[in-house]
Amino acid sequence: DKTIAKKYNHTVGINIFSTQKGVRSSISLEDGTKVWLNSGSILKFPTTFMTQNERIVEVVGEAYFEVARNKNKPFLVVSKQSKIIVLGTKFNVKSLADTEEVQTTLIEGSVSINTGNLSHILKPGEQALVQTNGNLNVSRVNVDDFLAWRSGILKFNNLQIKDIIKELSRWYDIQGIENRSHNKEKYTGSLTKNNDLKIILKQLEHISNTKLIIKERRILIED
């Protein structure tokens, strides 16, 4: 992978740890760092940290990190246009392939968010959103809402039905969404992954007064 490979010499290989849709998994890295990977996500990391001055990994999707402290060897997470620098901490990173922002939520410790043009040191309970243009916005959040996925719960806050379905497509075999509804209302709540997709769609139909139809692995949203 070019993003990581350019940081290391060619004698260091790259490992790829990934999860399929509907599957969450975890891995312990060589340095003792623990990483939990959400459904449909990828973690890229070098075969060894021993020969380098930094520990660099890359995330595509969503991951929760508990980084082993090593003040002599900073831990870096690269993802699209942002870089997270940390010595030892707990944080969540969300960088989906089909979105333009990188979301970093700090639970414990301290991290530095760098975009090339801007940098900011996050405090516990803060979340940074980095846009493709390099803009960086920081806000206070309820961190539990952004860690719920580790327990198989999807929490959504102020989202339209089509956006909730988009989040569900990371858990279930949904190949596309066709929105024929005029409903622009936004909803807040939670869904449990352990439920069958048909049951979840019925729950969403009930709260939104729309019809959600499964057709050839696509979801049709109708009034």
Protein backbone atom coordinates (compact mmCIF):
# COMPACT_ATOMS: atom_id res chain seq x y z
CA ASP A 1 0.00 0.00 0.00
CA LYS A 2 1.50 3.34 -1.05
CA THR A 3 0.24 5.29 1.98
CA ILE A 4 2.17 3.16 4.43
CA ALA A 5 4.91 1.86 2.16
CA LYS A 6 6.29 5.34 1.50
CA LYS A 7 6.88 5.68 5.26
CA TYR A 8 8.88 2.47 5.46
CA ASN A 9 11.76 0.95 3.57
CA HIS A 10 11.01 -1.90 1.21
CA THR A 11 12.28 -4.54 3.67
CA VAL A 12 9.13 -4.09 5.79
CA GLY A 13 6.00 -5.78 4.46
CA ILE A 14 2.38 -4.75 4.97
CA ASN A 15 -0.30 -6.84 6.69
CA ILE A 16 -4.01 -6.38 5.91
CA PHE A 17 -6.66 -7.27 8.50
CA SER A 18 -10.25 -6.92 7.29
CA THR A 19 -13.83 -7.74 8.24
CA GLN A 20 -16.76 -8.64 6.01
CA LYS A 21 -20.21 -7.06 6.20
CA GLY A 22 -21.98 -8.05 9.38
CA VAL A 23 -18.77 -9.10 11.13
CA ARG A 24 -16.84 -7.30 13.88
CA SER A 25 -13.42 -8.48 14.97
CA SER A 26 -10.36 -7.51 16.98
CA ILE A 27 -6.60 -7.88 16.74
CA SER A 28 -3.60 -7.31 19.00
CA LEU A 29 -0.65 -5.72 17.24
CA GLU A 30 3.01 -6.50 17.86
CA ASP A 31 3.46 -3.60 20.30
CA GLY A 32 0.47 -4.59 22.45
CA THR A 33 -1.96 -2.15 20.86
CA LYS A 34 -5.49 -3.55 20.61
CA VAL A 35 -7.74 -2.72 17.65
CA TRP A 36 -11.44 -3.49 17.22
CA LEU A 37 -12.63 -3.37 13.60
CA ASN A 38 -16.22 -2.62 12.63
CA SER A 39 -18.13 -4.38 9.87
CA GLY A 40 -16.70 -3.98 6.35
CA SER A 41 -13.48 -2.28 7.53
CA ILE A 42 -9.76 -2.66 6.81
CA LEU A 43 -6.65 -2.17 8.94
CA LYS A 44 -3.24 -2.02 7.23
CA PHE A 45 -0.11 -2.26 9.35
CA PRO A 46 3.57 -3.18 8.88
CA THR A 47 4.80 -6.70 9.55
CA THR A 48 7.02 -5.25 12.28
CA PHE A 49 7.39 -2.03 14.25
CA MET A 50 10.79 -3.06 15.59
CA THR A 51 12.97 -1.47 12.91
CA GLN A 52 11.14 1.87 12.71
CA ASN A 53 10.97 5.07 14.76
CA GLU A 54 7.16 5.29 14.37
CA ARG A 55 4.24 2.88 14.49
CA ILE A 56 2.09 3.68 11.44
CA VAL A 57 -1.22 2.03 10.54
CA GLU A 58 -4.02 2.88 8.12
CA VAL A 59 -7.79 2.56 8.53
CA VAL A 60 -10.46 2.26 5.87
CA GLY A 61 -13.83 2.02 7.60
CA GLU A 62 -14.19 2.23 11.38
CA ALA A 63 -11.91 1.10 14.19
CA TYR A 64 -11.49 1.54 17.94
CA PHE A 65 -7.94 1.73 19.28
CA GLU A 66 -6.38 1.12 22.69
CA VAL A 67 -2.80 2.14 21.98
CA ALA A 68 0.11 0.71 23.97
CA ARG A 69 2.18 3.57 25.36
CA ASN A 70 5.71 4.01 24.03
CA LYS A 71 6.99 7.58 24.33
CA ASN A 72 9.97 6.75 22.12
CA LYS A 73 7.86 5.41 19.26
CA PRO A 74 4.71 7.46 18.48
CA PHE A 75 1.67 5.67 17.09
CA LEU A 76 0.19 7.18 13.89
CA VAL A 77 -3.13 6.43 12.21
CA VAL A 78 -3.40 7.67 8.63
CA SER A 79 -6.79 7.87 6.95
CA LYS A 80 -7.56 9.84 3.80
CA GLN A 81 -6.54 13.46 4.41
CA SER A 82 -5.89 13.23 8.15
CA LYS A 83 -3.20 11.86 10.46
CA ILE A 84 -3.65 11.04 14.14
CA ILE A 85 -0.56 11.12 16.35
CA VAL A 86 -0.70 9.45 19.76
CA LEU A 87 1.55 8.00 22.47
CA GLY A 88 -1.06 6.01 24.39
CA THR A 89 -4.82 6.49 24.41
CA LYS A 90 -8.30 5.19 23.51
CA PHE A 91 -10.11 6.58 20.49
CA ASN A 92 -12.43 5.72 17.62
CA VAL A 93 -11.77 6.47 13.94
CA LYS A 94 -14.39 6.41 11.20
CA SER A 95 -13.23 6.91 7.62
CA LEU A 96 -15.66 5.31 5.19
CA ALA A 97 -14.76 4.89 1.54
CA ASP A 98 -18.00 6.54 0.37
CA THR A 99 -17.84 9.61 2.62
CA GLU A 100 -15.70 12.73 2.43
CA GLU A 101 -14.90 13.17 6.11
CA VAL A 102 -12.80 11.45 8.74
CA GLN A 103 -14.32 11.28 12.22
CA THR A 104 -12.08 10.88 15.27
CA THR A 105 -13.64 10.53 18.73
CA LEU A 106 -11.37 10.61 21.79
CA ILE A 107 -12.33 8.54 24.82
CA GLU A 108 -9.20 8.70 26.96
CA GLY A 109 -5.77 10.35 26.75
CA SER A 110 -4.73 12.83 24.08
CA VAL A 111 -4.28 12.78 20.32
CA SER A 112 -3.12 15.33 17.78
CA ILE A 113 -5.17 15.62 14.58
CA ASN A 114 -3.15 16.82 11.59
CA THR A 115 -4.52 17.67 8.14
CA GLY A 116 -1.42 19.13 6.52
CA ASN A 117 -2.71 22.68 6.93
CA LEU A 118 -4.21 22.48 10.42
CA SER A 119 -3.61 20.60 13.64
CA HIS A 120 -5.54 20.28 16.89
CA ILE A 121 -5.02 18.37 20.14
CA LEU A 122 -8.22 16.61 21.17
CA LYS A 123 -9.39 16.26 24.76
CA PRO A 124 -11.45 13.30 26.05
CA GLY A 125 -15.08 13.67 24.97
CA GLU A 126 -14.20 15.67 21.87
CA GLN A 127 -14.69 14.68 18.26
CA ALA A 128 -12.84 16.00 15.21
CA LEU A 129 -14.32 16.02 11.71
CA VAL A 130 -11.81 16.49 8.91
CA GLN A 131 -13.16 17.32 5.44
CA THR A 132 -11.46 16.57 2.12
CA ASN A 133 -10.57 20.25 1.76
CA GLY A 134 -8.58 20.07 5.01
CA ASN A 135 -11.11 21.89 7.18
CA LEU A 136 -11.19 20.65 10.77
CA ASN A 137 -14.18 21.01 13.12
CA VAL A 138 -14.11 20.00 16.79
CA SER A 139 -17.13 19.48 19.05
CA ARG A 140 -18.12 17.86 22.36
CA VAL A 141 -20.02 14.57 21.95
CA ASN A 142 -21.44 11.68 23.96
CA VAL A 143 -18.68 9.16 23.24
CA ASP A 144 -20.93 6.20 24.11
CA ASP A 145 -22.97 6.92 20.99
CA PHE A 146 -19.89 6.41 18.84
CA LEU A 147 -18.78 3.20 20.57
CA ALA A 148 -22.16 1.44 20.44
CA TRP A 149 -21.13 -0.49 17.31
CA ARG A 150 -18.75 -2.59 19.44
CA SER A 151 -21.85 -4.04 21.14
CA GLY A 152 -23.70 -4.60 17.87
CA ILE A 153 -25.87 -1.50 18.23
CA LEU A 154 -26.41 1.13 15.57
CA LYS A 155 -27.20 4.50 17.11
CA PHE A 156 -28.48 7.17 14.76
CA ASN A 157 -29.02 10.82 15.57
CA ASN A 158 -31.03 13.19 13.40
CA LEU A 159 -30.81 11.09 10.22
CA GLN A 160 -33.22 10.65 7.33
CA ILE A 161 -34.45 7.11 6.60
CA LYS A 162 -32.23 6.81 3.52
CA ASP A 163 -29.17 7.63 5.65
CA ILE A 164 -30.16 5.09 8.31
CA ILE A 165 -30.47 2.45 5.57
CA LYS A 166 -27.04 3.50 4.29
CA GLU A 167 -25.59 2.77 7.74
CA LEU A 168 -27.38 -0.59 7.79
CA SER A 169 -25.81 -1.51 4.44
CA ARG A 170 -22.50 -1.91 6.29
CA TRP A 171 -24.02 -4.69 8.39
CA TYR A 172 -26.26 -6.48 5.92
CA ASP A 173 -25.98 -7.57 2.29
CA ILE A 174 -27.59 -4.43 0.87
CA GLN A 175 -26.23 -3.65 -2.59
CA GLY A 176 -28.01 -0.35 -3.16
CA ILE A 177 -30.72 2.07 -2.04
CA GLU A 178 -33.44 3.59 -4.19
CA ASN A 179 -35.28 6.43 -2.49
CA ARG A 180 -38.71 7.17 -3.99
CA SER A 181 -40.04 8.76 -0.82
CA HIS A 182 -40.66 12.47 -0.25
CA ASN A 183 -40.18 12.04 3.49
CA LYS A 184 -37.42 14.38 4.67
CA GLU A 185 -38.03 13.87 8.38
CA LYS A 186 -35.04 13.02 10.60
CA TYR A 187 -35.02 10.38 13.31
CA THR A 188 -33.05 9.50 16.44
CA GLY A 189 -32.83 6.05 18.00
CA SER A 190 -30.98 2.74 18.00
CA LEU A 191 -31.14 -0.63 16.25
CA THR A 192 -29.73 -4.02 17.26
CA LYS A 193 -27.69 -5.93 14.72
CA ASN A 194 -28.80 -9.30 16.09
CA ASN A 195 -32.26 -8.76 14.61
CA ASP A 196 -33.13 -10.00 11.14
CA LEU A 197 -32.99 -7.27 8.46
CA LYS A 198 -36.72 -7.70 7.75
CA ILE A 199 -37.51 -7.05 11.42
CA ILE A 200 -35.36 -3.91 11.44
CA LEU A 201 -37.03 -2.61 8.28
CA LYS A 202 -40.44 -3.15 9.87
CA GLN A 203 -39.31 -1.11 12.87
CA LEU A 204 -38.17 1.70 10.59
CA GLU A 205 -41.42 1.55 8.64
CA HIS A 206 -43.33 1.96 11.88
CA ILE A 207 -41.50 5.09 13.02
CA SER A 208 -41.26 6.74 9.59
CA ASN A 209 -44.57 5.83 7.93
CA THR A 210 -42.69 4.75 4.79
CA LYS A 211 -42.51 1.43 2.96
CA LEU A 212 -39.16 -0.35 2.86
CA ILE A 213 -39.04 -3.12 0.27
CA ILE A 214 -36.22 -5.62 -0.33
CA LYS A 215 -35.75 -6.24 -4.05
CA GLU A 216 -32.74 -8.10 -5.39
CA ARG A 217 -30.53 -7.01 -2.48
CA ARG A 218 -31.64 -3.42 -2.94
CA ILE A 219 -33.82 -1.42 -0.57
CA LEU A 220 -36.67 0.60 -2.09
CA ILE A 221 -38.01 3.46 0.04
CA GLU A 222 -41.54 4.47 -0.88
CA ASP A 223 -44.32 6.61 0.59
